[in-house]
Amino acid sequence: MYFTGIIIAVCTFLAIGVWHPIVIKTEYYFGTKPWWIYLVVGILCVCGSLCIENTIISSAVGVFGASALWGIGELFEQKKRVERGWFPKNPKRTEK
């Protein structure tokens, strides 16, 4: 039996599960200002996955990077969700 596909699927599920709360917490504490960090992490991971020979590790790093890049859009969507009242706004954070 070959488990590579299942392992990659689990890694994908975990990467999405990790980035979801990161996006919410980032928007809550910092707003959308750190979007560029997501960009750097995403590009580094995607490029790094090209240099990794092991299929499973390369896929996991690539999926993590792609999730970081997807997180940029989600960060700005999260801002809209907060404005709509779907998520709490941080009362201590002031927008400049």
C-alpha atoms as a PDB file:
ATOM      1  CA  MET A   1       0.000   0.000   0.000  1.00  0.00           C
ATOM      2  CA  TYR A   2       1.104   3.550  -0.734  1.00  0.00           C
ATOM      3  CA  PHE A   3       0.386   6.208   1.862  1.00  0.00           C
ATOM      4  CA  THR A   4       1.947   9.226   0.138  1.00  0.00           C
ATOM      5  CA  GLY A   5      -1.379  10.686  -1.009  1.00  0.00           C
ATOM      6  CA  ILE A   6      -3.008  10.298   2.388  1.00  0.00           C
ATOM      7  CA  ILE A   7       0.011  11.819   4.141  1.00  0.00           C
ATOM      8  CA  ILE A   8      -0.014  14.815   1.787  1.00  0.00           C
ATOM      9  CA  ALA A   9      -3.775  15.206   2.319  1.00  0.00           C
ATOM     10  CA  VAL A  10      -3.295  15.221   6.096  1.00  0.00           C
ATOM     11  CA  CYS A  11      -0.472  17.766   5.764  1.00  0.00           C
ATOM     12  CA  THR A  12      -2.752  19.963   3.655  1.00  0.00           C
ATOM     13  CA  PHE A  13      -5.537  19.700   6.209  1.00  0.00           C
ATOM     14  CA  LEU A  14      -3.127  20.569   9.030  1.00  0.00           C
ATOM     15  CA  ALA A  15      -1.615  23.521   7.133  1.00  0.00           C
ATOM     16  CA  ILE A  16      -5.049  25.014   6.544  1.00  0.00           C
ATOM     17  CA  GLY A  17      -5.929  24.320  10.175  1.00  0.00           C
ATOM     18  CA  VAL A  18      -2.787  26.101  11.348  1.00  0.00           C
ATOM     19  CA  TRP A  19      -3.233  29.174   9.135  1.00  0.00           C
ATOM     20  CA  HIS A  20      -6.911  29.722   9.988  1.00  0.00           C
ATOM     21  CA  PRO A  21      -6.325  30.830  13.617  1.00  0.00           C
ATOM     22  CA  ILE A  22      -3.096  32.619  12.646  1.00  0.00           C
ATOM     23  CA  VAL A  23      -5.053  34.831  10.234  1.00  0.00           C
ATOM     24  CA  ILE A  24      -7.718  35.574  12.840  1.00  0.00           C
ATOM     25  CA  LYS A  25      -5.188  36.404  15.567  1.00  0.00           C
ATOM     26  CA  THR A  26      -3.036  38.493  13.203  1.00  0.00           C
ATOM     27  CA  GLU A  27      -5.993  40.636  12.195  1.00  0.00           C
ATOM     28  CA  TYR A  28      -7.126  40.974  15.811  1.00  0.00           C
ATOM     29  CA  TYR A  29      -3.762  42.115  17.172  1.00  0.00           C
ATOM     30  CA  PHE A  30      -2.110  43.809  14.179  1.00  0.00           C
ATOM     31  CA  GLY A  31      -4.737  44.435  11.504  1.00  0.00           C
ATOM     32  CA  THR A  32      -3.689  43.866   7.903  1.00  0.00           C
ATOM     33  CA  LYS A  33      -0.265  45.530   8.222  1.00  0.00           C
ATOM     34  CA  PRO A  34       1.760  42.271   8.449  1.00  0.00           C
ATOM     35  CA  TRP A  35       0.445  40.907   5.127  1.00  0.00           C
ATOM     36  CA  TRP A  36       3.973  41.118   3.723  1.00  0.00           C
ATOM     37  CA  ILE A  37       5.176  38.587   6.317  1.00  0.00           C
ATOM     38  CA  TYR A  38       2.702  36.102   4.864  1.00  0.00           C
ATOM     39  CA  LEU A  39       4.119  36.904   1.410  1.00  0.00           C
ATOM     40  CA  VAL A  40       7.720  36.309   2.482  1.00  0.00           C
ATOM     41  CA  VAL A  41       6.876  33.075   4.315  1.00  0.00           C
ATOM     42  CA  GLY A  42       4.820  31.857   1.361  1.00  0.00           C
ATOM     43  CA  ILE A  43       7.482  32.601  -1.250  1.00  0.00           C
ATOM     44  CA  LEU A  44      10.257  31.089   0.881  1.00  0.00           C
ATOM     45  CA  CYS A  45       8.266  27.905   1.495  1.00  0.00           C
ATOM     46  CA  VAL A  46       7.174  27.495  -2.125  1.00  0.00           C
ATOM     47  CA  CYS A  47      10.721  28.102  -3.394  1.00  0.00           C
ATOM     48  CA  GLY A  48      12.115  25.889  -0.660  1.00  0.00           C
ATOM     49  CA  SER A  49       9.817  23.055  -1.666  1.00  0.00           C
ATOM     50  CA  LEU A  50      11.469  23.089  -5.095  1.00  0.00           C
ATOM     51  CA  CYS A  51      14.799  22.239  -3.457  1.00  0.00           C
ATOM     52  CA  ILE A  52      13.563  19.342  -1.322  1.00  0.00           C
ATOM     53  CA  GLU A  53      13.946  15.913  -2.849  1.00  0.00           C
ATOM     54  CA  ASN A  54      11.599  14.025  -0.518  1.00  0.00           C
ATOM     55  CA  THR A  55       8.107  14.080  -2.036  1.00  0.00           C
ATOM     56  CA  ILE A  56       6.180  14.207   1.214  1.00  0.00           C
ATOM     57  CA  ILE A  57       8.305  16.918   2.843  1.00  0.00           C
ATOM     58  CA  SER A  58       8.437  18.945  -0.373  1.00  0.00           C
ATOM     59  CA  SER A  59       4.652  18.744  -0.681  1.00  0.00           C
ATOM     60  CA  ALA A  60       4.111  19.687   2.964  1.00  0.00           C
ATOM     61  CA  VAL A  61       6.401  22.719   2.695  1.00  0.00           C
ATOM     62  CA  GLY A  62       4.782  23.748  -0.605  1.00  0.00           C
ATOM     63  CA  VAL A  63       1.280  23.436   0.806  1.00  0.00           C
ATOM     64  CA  PHE A  64       2.303  25.425   3.884  1.00  0.00           C
ATOM     65  CA  GLY A  65       3.678  28.155   1.606  1.00  0.00           C
ATOM     66  CA  ALA A  66       0.600  28.170  -0.582  1.00  0.00           C
ATOM     67  CA  SER A  67      -1.550  28.425   2.538  1.00  0.00           C
ATOM     68  CA  ALA A  68       0.513  31.417   3.674  1.00  0.00           C
ATOM     69  CA  LEU A  69      -0.031  33.099   0.311  1.00  0.00           C
ATOM     70  CA  TRP A  70      -3.753  32.317   0.477  1.00  0.00           C
ATOM     71  CA  GLY A  71      -3.708  33.795   3.981  1.00  0.00           C
ATOM     72  CA  ILE A  72      -2.954  37.241   2.528  1.00  0.00           C
ATOM     73  CA  GLY A  73      -6.378  37.360   0.930  1.00  0.00           C
ATOM     74  CA  GLU A  74      -7.970  35.862   4.003  1.00  0.00           C
ATOM     75  CA  LEU A  75      -6.358  38.521   6.184  1.00  0.00           C
ATOM     76  CA  PHE A  76      -8.118  41.255   4.224  1.00  0.00           C
ATOM     77  CA  GLU A  77     -11.348  39.227   4.191  1.00  0.00           C
ATOM     78  CA  GLN A  78     -11.048  38.857   7.964  1.00  0.00           C
ATOM     79  CA  LYS A  79     -10.894  42.645   8.237  1.00  0.00           C
ATOM     80  CA  LYS A  80     -14.224  42.799   6.366  1.00  0.00           C
ATOM     81  CA  ARG A  81     -15.697  40.106   8.637  1.00  0.00           C
ATOM     82  CA  VAL A  82     -14.714  42.166  11.676  1.00  0.00           C
ATOM     83  CA  GLU A  83     -16.272  45.288  10.137  1.00  0.00           C
ATOM     84  CA  ARG A  84     -19.504  43.327   9.583  1.00  0.00           C
ATOM     85  CA  GLY A  85     -19.461  42.267  13.231  1.00  0.00           C
ATOM     86  CA  TRP A  86     -18.936  38.572  12.523  1.00  0.00           C
ATOM     87  CA  PHE A  87     -15.730  38.567  14.612  1.00  0.00           C
ATOM     88  CA  PRO A  88     -14.768  40.707  17.601  1.00  0.00           C
ATOM     89  CA  LYS A  89     -12.757  43.872  17.084  1.00  0.00           C
ATOM     90  CA  ASN A  90      -9.750  44.472  19.304  1.00  0.00           C
ATOM     91  CA  PRO A  91     -10.688  47.517  21.399  1.00  0.00           C
ATOM     92  CA  LYS A  92      -7.035  48.180  22.296  1.00  0.00           C
ATOM     93  CA  ARG A  93      -5.838  48.400  18.693  1.00  0.00           C
ATOM     94  CA  THR A  94      -6.135  51.730  16.925  1.00  0.00           C
ATOM     95  CA  GLU A  95      -6.071  52.013  13.142  1.00  0.00           C
ATOM     96  CA  LYS A  96      -3.799  54.675  11.717  1.00  0.00           C
END
